[in-house]
Amino acid sequence: MLEVSEIDVFHGASQALFAMSLTVGEGEVVTLMGRNGMGKTTTVHAIMGILPVARGSISFAGAAIDGLASHRVAQAGLGLVPEGRQIFPNLTVNENLVATAANRAARPNPWSAARVYDMFPELARRKASMGILLSGGEQQMLAIGRALMTNPTLLILDEATEGLAPLVRREIWHCLTRLKAEGLSILVIDKNVEDLSRLASRHYIMEKGRTVWHGTSADLGADEAAVHRYLGV
């Protein structure tokens, strides 16, 4: 479904990604891991058209998307839950959701505000509240719901549970497990290796803008040296 093939990406004159590659199959959950500053968000920004690709290619559902404007990438079926949530602070919860609503693929059971509220009951209770008044956990739920309202084929989450309380983190992982069961393709960035190993089928680890390790959850569990080298504090 998504194929990132040996892309180079620059921030100004500084190269940030070096021949970065990854794939996500239909209905598959894949993770992108690494310490801070290793190029994970840059990879997401390249996929979403926020940063240009200098070399290499990105394709989605068999069509090239590198070089497309960000809104065209989103319209192609990629939904992003960005790092820092970036909800609309001066819109209510319900307004945040309906602002992005679209069903371009004419799905028979599209995501709606009611479905989002069913997944996140906390948001139903706060649907008339301004985004700026929500807690960090509620904002993350809203960011996920807002992305789902675009009815994406692939959902990308950048730092899915960063800075959230343990109870909220568990709710987010439960949400992603439910989305996986529904067959949604997911690319998730996070630092919770144990939770990621349970959720995803395959994993990529980045260091200094490069893919330095990739494999299955079984491979990751068996390679303690790689986990310690690339992910340990």
C-alpha atoms as a PDB file:
ATOM      1  CA  MET A   1       0.000   0.000   0.000  1.00  0.00           C
ATOM      2  CA  LEU A   2       2.648   2.525   1.075  1.00  0.00           C
ATOM      3  CA  GLU A   3       6.151   2.218  -0.318  1.00  0.00           C
ATOM      4  CA  VAL A   4       8.893   4.635   0.659  1.00  0.00           C
ATOM      5  CA  SER A   5      11.923   3.802  -1.465  1.00  0.00           C
ATOM      6  CA  GLU A   6      15.393   5.150  -0.663  1.00  0.00           C
ATOM      7  CA  ILE A   7      14.392   8.754  -0.128  1.00  0.00           C
ATOM      8  CA  ASP A   8      16.791  11.578   0.649  1.00  0.00           C
ATOM      9  CA  VAL A   9      15.311  14.627   2.364  1.00  0.00           C
ATOM     10  CA  PHE A  10      16.952  17.908   3.341  1.00  0.00           C
ATOM     11  CA  HIS A  11      16.254  20.633   5.876  1.00  0.00           C
ATOM     12  CA  GLY A  12      17.747  23.548   3.982  1.00  0.00           C
ATOM     13  CA  ALA A  13      21.342  22.620   3.249  1.00  0.00           C
ATOM     14  CA  SER A  14      21.440  19.838   5.857  1.00  0.00           C
ATOM     15  CA  GLN A  15      20.534  16.307   4.808  1.00  0.00           C
ATOM     16  CA  ALA A  16      18.071  14.699   7.248  1.00  0.00           C
ATOM     17  CA  LEU A  17      17.214  11.369   5.565  1.00  0.00           C
ATOM     18  CA  PHE A  18      19.607   9.065   3.754  1.00  0.00           C
ATOM     19  CA  ALA A  19      18.094   6.412   1.440  1.00  0.00           C
ATOM     20  CA  MET A  20      15.230   5.916   3.901  1.00  0.00           C
ATOM     21  CA  SER A  21      12.912   3.027   3.001  1.00  0.00           C
ATOM     22  CA  LEU A  22       9.836   1.397   4.520  1.00  0.00           C
ATOM     23  CA  THR A  23       6.631  -0.307   3.430  1.00  0.00           C
ATOM     24  CA  VAL A  24       3.162  -0.736   4.914  1.00  0.00           C
ATOM     25  CA  GLY A  25       0.882  -3.416   3.489  1.00  0.00           C
ATOM     26  CA  GLU A  26      -2.889  -3.402   3.268  1.00  0.00           C
ATOM     27  CA  GLY A  27      -4.411  -3.976   6.714  1.00  0.00           C
ATOM     28  CA  GLU A  28      -0.947  -4.014   8.315  1.00  0.00           C
ATOM     29  CA  VAL A  29       0.303  -2.162  11.389  1.00  0.00           C
ATOM     30  CA  VAL A  30       3.940  -1.069  11.111  1.00  0.00           C
ATOM     31  CA  THR A  31       6.023   0.957  13.555  1.00  0.00           C
ATOM     32  CA  LEU A  32       8.822   3.475  13.104  1.00  0.00           C
ATOM     33  CA  MET A  33      11.037   3.762  16.164  1.00  0.00           C
ATOM     34  CA  GLY A  34      14.185   5.545  17.206  1.00  0.00           C
ATOM     35  CA  ARG A  35      15.511   8.081  19.677  1.00  0.00           C
ATOM     36  CA  ASN A  36      14.559  11.736  19.405  1.00  0.00           C
ATOM     37  CA  GLY A  37      16.040  13.578  16.453  1.00  0.00           C
ATOM     38  CA  MET A  38      16.695  10.498  14.315  1.00  0.00           C
ATOM     39  CA  GLY A  39      14.381  11.424  11.440  1.00  0.00           C
ATOM     40  CA  LYS A  40      11.040   9.830  12.259  1.00  0.00           C
ATOM     41  CA  THR A  41       8.953  12.997  11.976  1.00  0.00           C
ATOM     42  CA  THR A  42      10.940  14.052   8.919  1.00  0.00           C
ATOM     43  CA  THR A  43       9.971  10.746   7.307  1.00  0.00           C
ATOM     44  CA  VAL A  44       6.307  11.400   8.097  1.00  0.00           C
ATOM     45  CA  HIS A  45       6.549  14.928   6.718  1.00  0.00           C
ATOM     46  CA  ALA A  46       8.078  13.597   3.505  1.00  0.00           C
ATOM     47  CA  ILE A  47       5.290  11.031   3.140  1.00  0.00           C
ATOM     48  CA  MET A  48       2.635  13.696   3.705  1.00  0.00           C
ATOM     49  CA  GLY A  49       4.170  16.166   1.254  1.00  0.00           C
ATOM     50  CA  ILE A  50       5.183  18.661   3.927  1.00  0.00           C
ATOM     51  CA  LEU A  51       8.857  18.270   2.986  1.00  0.00           C
ATOM     52  CA  PRO A  52      10.106  17.679  -0.589  1.00  0.00           C
ATOM     53  CA  VAL A  53      11.903  14.470  -1.549  1.00  0.00           C
ATOM     54  CA  ALA A  54      15.275  15.165  -3.172  1.00  0.00           C
ATOM     55  CA  ARG A  55      15.891  11.591  -4.315  1.00  0.00           C
ATOM     56  CA  GLY A  56      13.980   8.325  -4.179  1.00  0.00           C
ATOM     57  CA  SER A  57      10.228   7.808  -4.446  1.00  0.00           C
ATOM     58  CA  ILE A  58       7.045   7.438  -2.407  1.00  0.00           C
ATOM     59  CA  SER A  59       4.023   5.580  -3.743  1.00  0.00           C
ATOM     60  CA  PHE A  60       0.617   4.883  -2.255  1.00  0.00           C
ATOM     61  CA  ALA A  61      -1.867   2.359  -3.633  1.00  0.00           C
ATOM     62  CA  GLY A  62       0.318   2.038  -6.709  1.00  0.00           C
ATOM     63  CA  ALA A  63       0.475   5.765  -7.518  1.00  0.00           C
ATOM     64  CA  ALA A  64       3.370   8.158  -6.960  1.00  0.00           C
ATOM     65  CA  ILE A  65       2.653  10.740  -4.262  1.00  0.00           C
ATOM     66  CA  ASP A  66       6.067  12.356  -3.804  1.00  0.00           C
ATOM     67  CA  GLY A  67       5.839  15.845  -5.200  1.00  0.00           C
ATOM     68  CA  LEU A  68       2.136  16.207  -4.411  1.00  0.00           C
ATOM     69  CA  ALA A  69       0.894  19.020  -2.194  1.00  0.00           C
ATOM     70  CA  SER A  70      -0.049  17.963   1.335  1.00  0.00           C
ATOM     71  CA  HIS A  71      -3.785  18.293   0.756  1.00  0.00           C
ATOM     72  CA  ARG A  72      -3.519  16.065  -2.323  1.00  0.00           C
ATOM     73  CA  VAL A  73      -1.702  13.424  -0.279  1.00  0.00           C
ATOM     74  CA  ALA A  74      -4.478  13.569   2.317  1.00  0.00           C
ATOM     75  CA  GLN A  75      -7.113  13.317  -0.406  1.00  0.00           C
ATOM     76  CA  ALA A  76      -5.351  10.197  -1.716  1.00  0.00           C
ATOM     77  CA  GLY A  77      -6.276   8.458   1.541  1.00  0.00           C
ATOM     78  CA  LEU A  78      -3.569   9.180   4.116  1.00  0.00           C
ATOM     79  CA  GLY A  79      -4.693  10.465   7.514  1.00  0.00           C
ATOM     80  CA  LEU A  80      -2.184  12.066   9.891  1.00  0.00           C
ATOM     81  CA  VAL A  81      -2.268  12.427  13.664  1.00  0.00           C
ATOM     82  CA  PRO A  82       0.628  14.877  13.976  1.00  0.00           C
ATOM     83  CA  GLU A  83       3.141  15.226  16.744  1.00  0.00           C
ATOM     84  CA  GLY A  84       1.796  17.814  19.168  1.00  0.00           C
ATOM     85  CA  ARG A  85      -1.836  17.063  18.119  1.00  0.00           C
ATOM     86  CA  GLN A  86      -2.347  20.453  16.412  1.00  0.00           C
ATOM     87  CA  ILE A  87      -6.094  20.528  16.889  1.00  0.00           C
ATOM     88  CA  PHE A  88      -8.030  23.720  16.145  1.00  0.00           C
ATOM     89  CA  PRO A  89      -7.957  25.456  19.567  1.00  0.00           C
ATOM     90  CA  ASN A  90     -10.814  27.882  18.927  1.00  0.00           C
ATOM     91  CA  LEU A  91     -13.233  25.277  17.550  1.00  0.00           C
ATOM     92  CA  THR A  92     -15.330  22.961  19.681  1.00  0.00           C
ATOM     93  CA  VAL A  93     -14.695  19.234  19.738  1.00  0.00           C
ATOM     94  CA  ASN A  94     -17.603  18.654  17.391  1.00  0.00           C
ATOM     95  CA  GLU A  95     -16.472  21.435  15.061  1.00  0.00           C
ATOM     96  CA  ASN A  96     -12.962  19.959  14.956  1.00  0.00           C
ATOM     97  CA  LEU A  97     -14.438  16.662  13.804  1.00  0.00           C
ATOM     98  CA  VAL A  98     -16.865  17.907  11.175  1.00  0.00           C
ATOM     99  CA  ALA A  99     -14.286  20.355   9.770  1.00  0.00           C
ATOM    100  CA  THR A 100     -12.316  17.458   8.261  1.00  0.00           C
ATOM    101  CA  ALA A 101     -15.179  15.085   7.422  1.00  0.00           C
ATOM    102  CA  ALA A 102     -14.912  13.476   3.995  1.00  0.00           C
ATOM    103  CA  ASN A 103     -15.766  10.140   2.413  1.00  0.00           C
ATOM    104  CA  ARG A 104     -14.026  10.338  -0.941  1.00  0.00           C
ATOM    105  CA  ALA A 105     -13.886   6.550  -1.322  1.00  0.00           C
ATOM    106  CA  ALA A 106     -17.662   6.299  -0.719  1.00  0.00           C
ATOM    107  CA  ARG A 107     -17.256   3.782   2.096  1.00  0.00           C
ATOM    108  CA  PRO A 108     -20.521   2.118   3.129  1.00  0.00           C
ATOM    109  CA  ASN A 109     -19.931   2.764   6.840  1.00  0.00           C
ATOM    110  CA  PRO A 110     -17.886   5.956   6.960  1.00  0.00           C
ATOM    111  CA  TRP A 111     -16.447   7.491  10.079  1.00  0.00           C
ATOM    112  CA  SER A 112     -18.797  10.032  11.624  1.00  0.00           C
ATOM    113  CA  ALA A 113     -18.800  12.091  14.801  1.00  0.00           C
ATOM    114  CA  ALA A 114     -21.085   9.449  16.343  1.00  0.00           C
ATOM    115  CA  ARG A 115     -18.563   6.688  15.614  1.00  0.00           C
ATOM    116  CA  VAL A 116     -15.732   8.784  17.064  1.00  0.00           C
ATOM    117  CA  TYR A 117     -17.786   9.442  20.206  1.00  0.00           C
ATOM    118  CA  ASP A 118     -18.462   5.720  20.495  1.00  0.00           C
ATOM    119  CA  MET A 119     -14.720   5.049  20.428  1.00  0.00           C
ATOM    120  CA  PHE A 120     -13.892   7.944  22.773  1.00  0.00           C
ATOM    121  CA  PRO A 121     -16.811   8.572  25.183  1.00  0.00           C
ATOM    122  CA  GLU A 122     -14.785  11.312  26.872  1.00  0.00           C
ATOM    123  CA  LEU A 123     -15.084  13.386  23.704  1.00  0.00           C
ATOM    124  CA  ALA A 124     -18.864  12.953  23.650  1.00  0.00           C
ATOM    125  CA  ARG A 125     -19.021  14.552  27.078  1.00  0.00           C
ATOM    126  CA  ARG A 126     -16.821  17.426  25.909  1.00  0.00           C
ATOM    127  CA  LYS A 127     -18.202  17.906  22.384  1.00  0.00           C
ATOM    128  CA  ALA A 128     -19.254  21.515  23.070  1.00  0.00           C
ATOM    129  CA  SER A 129     -15.897  22.436  24.665  1.00  0.00           C
ATOM    130  CA  MET A 130     -13.263  24.443  22.827  1.00  0.00           C
ATOM    131  CA  GLY A 131     -10.195  22.474  21.820  1.00  0.00           C
ATOM    132  CA  ILE A 132      -7.913  24.675  23.885  1.00  0.00           C
ATOM    133  CA  LEU A 133      -9.775  23.647  27.060  1.00  0.00           C
ATOM    134  CA  LEU A 134      -9.166  19.922  26.615  1.00  0.00           C
ATOM    135  CA  SER A 135      -6.571  17.919  28.520  1.00  0.00           C
ATOM    136  CA  GLY A 136      -3.600  16.506  26.627  1.00  0.00           C
ATOM    137  CA  GLY A 137      -5.220  13.079  26.507  1.00  0.00           C
ATOM    138  CA  GLU A 138      -8.501  14.488  25.229  1.00  0.00           C
ATOM    139  CA  GLN A 139      -6.646  16.476  22.588  1.00  0.00           C
ATOM    140  CA  GLN A 140      -4.907  13.317  21.388  1.00  0.00           C
ATOM    141  CA  MET A 141      -8.233  11.486  21.173  1.00  0.00           C
ATOM    142  CA  LEU A 142      -9.613  14.419  19.206  1.00  0.00           C
ATOM    143  CA  ALA A 143      -6.614  14.424  16.867  1.00  0.00           C
ATOM    144  CA  ILE A 144      -7.169  10.722  16.174  1.00  0.00           C
ATOM    145  CA  GLY A 145     -10.892  11.266  15.683  1.00  0.00           C
ATOM    146  CA  ARG A 146     -10.265  14.199  13.355  1.00  0.00           C
ATOM    147  CA  ALA A 147      -7.960  12.041  11.204  1.00  0.00           C
ATOM    148  CA  LEU A 148     -10.496   9.210  11.136  1.00  0.00           C
ATOM    149  CA  MET A 149     -13.180  11.633   9.946  1.00  0.00           C
ATOM    150  CA  THR A 150     -11.268  11.874   6.654  1.00  0.00           C
ATOM    151  CA  ASN A 151     -11.935   8.111   6.249  1.00  0.00           C
ATOM    152  CA  PRO A 152      -8.298   7.325   5.469  1.00  0.00           C
ATOM    153  CA  THR A 153      -6.973   4.130   3.952  1.00  0.00           C
ATOM    154  CA  LEU A 154      -3.754   4.535   5.942  1.00  0.00           C
ATOM    155  CA  LEU A 155      -3.544   6.220   9.356  1.00  0.00           C
ATOM    156  CA  ILE A 156      -0.196   7.697  10.455  1.00  0.00           C
ATOM    157  CA  LEU A 157       0.344   8.565  14.114  1.00  0.00           C
ATOM    158  CA  ASP A 158       3.415  10.581  15.064  1.00  0.00           C
ATOM    159  CA  GLU A 159       4.197  10.045  18.785  1.00  0.00           C
ATOM    160  CA  ALA A 160       0.915   8.305  19.535  1.00  0.00           C
ATOM    161  CA  THR A 161       1.138   8.384  23.339  1.00  0.00           C
ATOM    162  CA  GLU A 162       3.912  10.875  24.136  1.00  0.00           C
ATOM    163  CA  GLY A 163       3.340  12.784  27.367  1.00  0.00           C
ATOM    164  CA  LEU A 164       0.069  11.044  28.198  1.00  0.00           C
ATOM    165  CA  ALA A 165      -0.975   9.561  31.539  1.00  0.00           C
ATOM    166  CA  PRO A 166      -0.888   5.748  31.792  1.00  0.00           C
ATOM    167  CA  LEU A 167      -4.693   5.390  31.732  1.00  0.00           C
ATOM    168  CA  VAL A 168      -4.920   7.515  28.600  1.00  0.00           C
ATOM    169  CA  ARG A 169      -2.089   5.599  26.943  1.00  0.00           C
ATOM    170  CA  ARG A 170      -3.975   2.351  27.531  1.00  0.00           C
ATOM    171  CA  GLU A 171      -7.067   3.872  25.925  1.00  0.00           C
ATOM    172  CA  ILE A 172      -5.066   4.936  22.864  1.00  0.00           C
ATOM    173  CA  TRP A 173      -3.558   1.453  22.482  1.00  0.00           C
ATOM    174  CA  HIS A 174      -7.041  -0.046  22.834  1.00  0.00           C
ATOM    175  CA  CYS A 175      -8.260   2.315  20.095  1.00  0.00           C
ATOM    176  CA  LEU A 176      -5.434   1.288  17.754  1.00  0.00           C
ATOM    177  CA  THR A 177      -6.083  -2.391  18.442  1.00  0.00           C
ATOM    178  CA  ARG A 178      -9.718  -1.846  17.506  1.00  0.00           C
ATOM    179  CA  LEU A 179      -8.749  -0.036  14.297  1.00  0.00           C
ATOM    180  CA  LYS A 180      -6.357  -2.843  13.423  1.00  0.00           C
ATOM    181  CA  ALA A 181      -9.169  -5.384  13.892  1.00  0.00           C
ATOM    182  CA  GLU A 182     -11.264  -3.340  11.461  1.00  0.00           C
ATOM    183  CA  GLY A 183      -8.529  -3.738   8.833  1.00  0.00           C
ATOM    184  CA  LEU A 184      -7.159  -0.180   8.792  1.00  0.00           C
ATOM    185  CA  SER A 185      -3.518   0.141   7.738  1.00  0.00           C
ATOM    186  CA  ILE A 186      -1.512   2.009  10.368  1.00  0.00           C
ATOM    187  CA  LEU A 187       1.990   3.476  10.592  1.00  0.00           C
ATOM    188  CA  VAL A 188       2.718   4.421  14.194  1.00  0.00           C
ATOM    189  CA  ILE A 189       5.623   6.234  15.829  1.00  0.00           C
ATOM    190  CA  ASP A 190       6.058   5.780  19.557  1.00  0.00           C
ATOM    191  CA  LYS A 191       8.631   4.859  22.183  1.00  0.00           C
ATOM    192  CA  ASN A 192       6.701   2.148  24.063  1.00  0.00           C
ATOM    193  CA  VAL A 193       8.407  -0.921  22.614  1.00  0.00           C
ATOM    194  CA  GLU A 194       6.320  -3.433  24.556  1.00  0.00           C
ATOM    195  CA  ASP A 195       3.006  -1.946  23.425  1.00  0.00           C
ATOM    196  CA  LEU A 196       4.234  -1.548  19.856  1.00  0.00           C
ATOM    197  CA  SER A 197       5.392  -5.161  19.759  1.00  0.00           C
ATOM    198  CA  ARG A 198       1.927  -6.371  20.733  1.00  0.00           C
ATOM    199  CA  LEU A 199       0.167  -4.130  18.235  1.00  0.00           C
ATOM    200  CA  ALA A 200       2.301  -4.257  15.102  1.00  0.00           C
ATOM    201  CA  SER A 201       3.499  -6.987  12.788  1.00  0.00           C
ATOM    202  CA  ARG A 202       6.693  -5.300  11.591  1.00  0.00           C
ATOM    203  CA  HIS A 203       9.055  -2.634  12.895  1.00  0.00           C
ATOM    204  CA  TYR A 204      11.634  -0.196  11.550  1.00  0.00           C
ATOM    205  CA  ILE A 205      14.285   1.503  13.696  1.00  0.00           C
ATOM    206  CA  MET A 206      15.977   4.706  12.582  1.00  0.00           C
ATOM    207  CA  GLU A 207      19.280   6.247  13.564  1.00  0.00           C
ATOM    208  CA  LYS A 208      20.688   9.453  12.109  1.00  0.00           C
ATOM    209  CA  GLY A 209      18.279   9.527   9.206  1.00  0.00           C
ATOM    210  CA  ARG A 210      18.755   5.916   8.147  1.00  0.00           C
ATOM    211  CA  THR A 211      16.961   2.619   8.632  1.00  0.00           C
ATOM    212  CA  VAL A 212      19.333   0.572  10.780  1.00  0.00           C
ATOM    213  CA  TRP A 213      17.050  -2.342  11.716  1.00  0.00           C
ATOM    214  CA  HIS A 214      13.782  -3.872  10.528  1.00  0.00           C
ATOM    215  CA  GLY A 215      11.952  -7.076  11.299  1.00  0.00           C
ATOM    216  CA  THR A 216       8.939  -8.701  12.911  1.00  0.00           C
ATOM    217  CA  SER A 217       7.800  -8.496  16.528  1.00  0.00           C
ATOM    218  CA  ALA A 218       9.382 -11.905  17.131  1.00  0.00           C
ATOM    219  CA  ASP A 219      12.659 -10.617  15.678  1.00  0.00           C
ATOM    220  CA  LEU A 220      12.487  -7.519  17.862  1.00  0.00           C
ATOM    221  CA  GLY A 221      11.830  -9.539  21.003  1.00  0.00           C
ATOM    222  CA  ALA A 222      14.795 -11.781  20.234  1.00  0.00           C
ATOM    223  CA  ASP A 223      17.234  -8.963  19.474  1.00  0.00           C
ATOM    224  CA  GLU A 224      17.802  -7.333  22.851  1.00  0.00           C
ATOM    225  CA  ALA A 225      21.135  -5.943  21.680  1.00  0.00           C
ATOM    226  CA  ALA A 226      19.466  -3.916  18.907  1.00  0.00           C
ATOM    227  CA  VAL A 227      16.781  -2.615  21.259  1.00  0.00           C
ATOM    228  CA  HIS A 228      19.413  -1.516  23.761  1.00  0.00           C
ATOM    229  CA  ARG A 229      21.725  -0.033  21.106  1.00  0.00           C
ATOM    230  CA  TYR A 230      19.157   1.949  19.153  1.00  0.00           C
ATOM    231  CA  LEU A 231      16.348   2.555  21.645  1.00  0.00           C
ATOM    232  CA  GLY A 232      17.926   2.437  25.098  1.00  0.00           C
ATOM    233  CA  VAL A 233      18.341   5.589  27.126  1.00  0.00           C
END
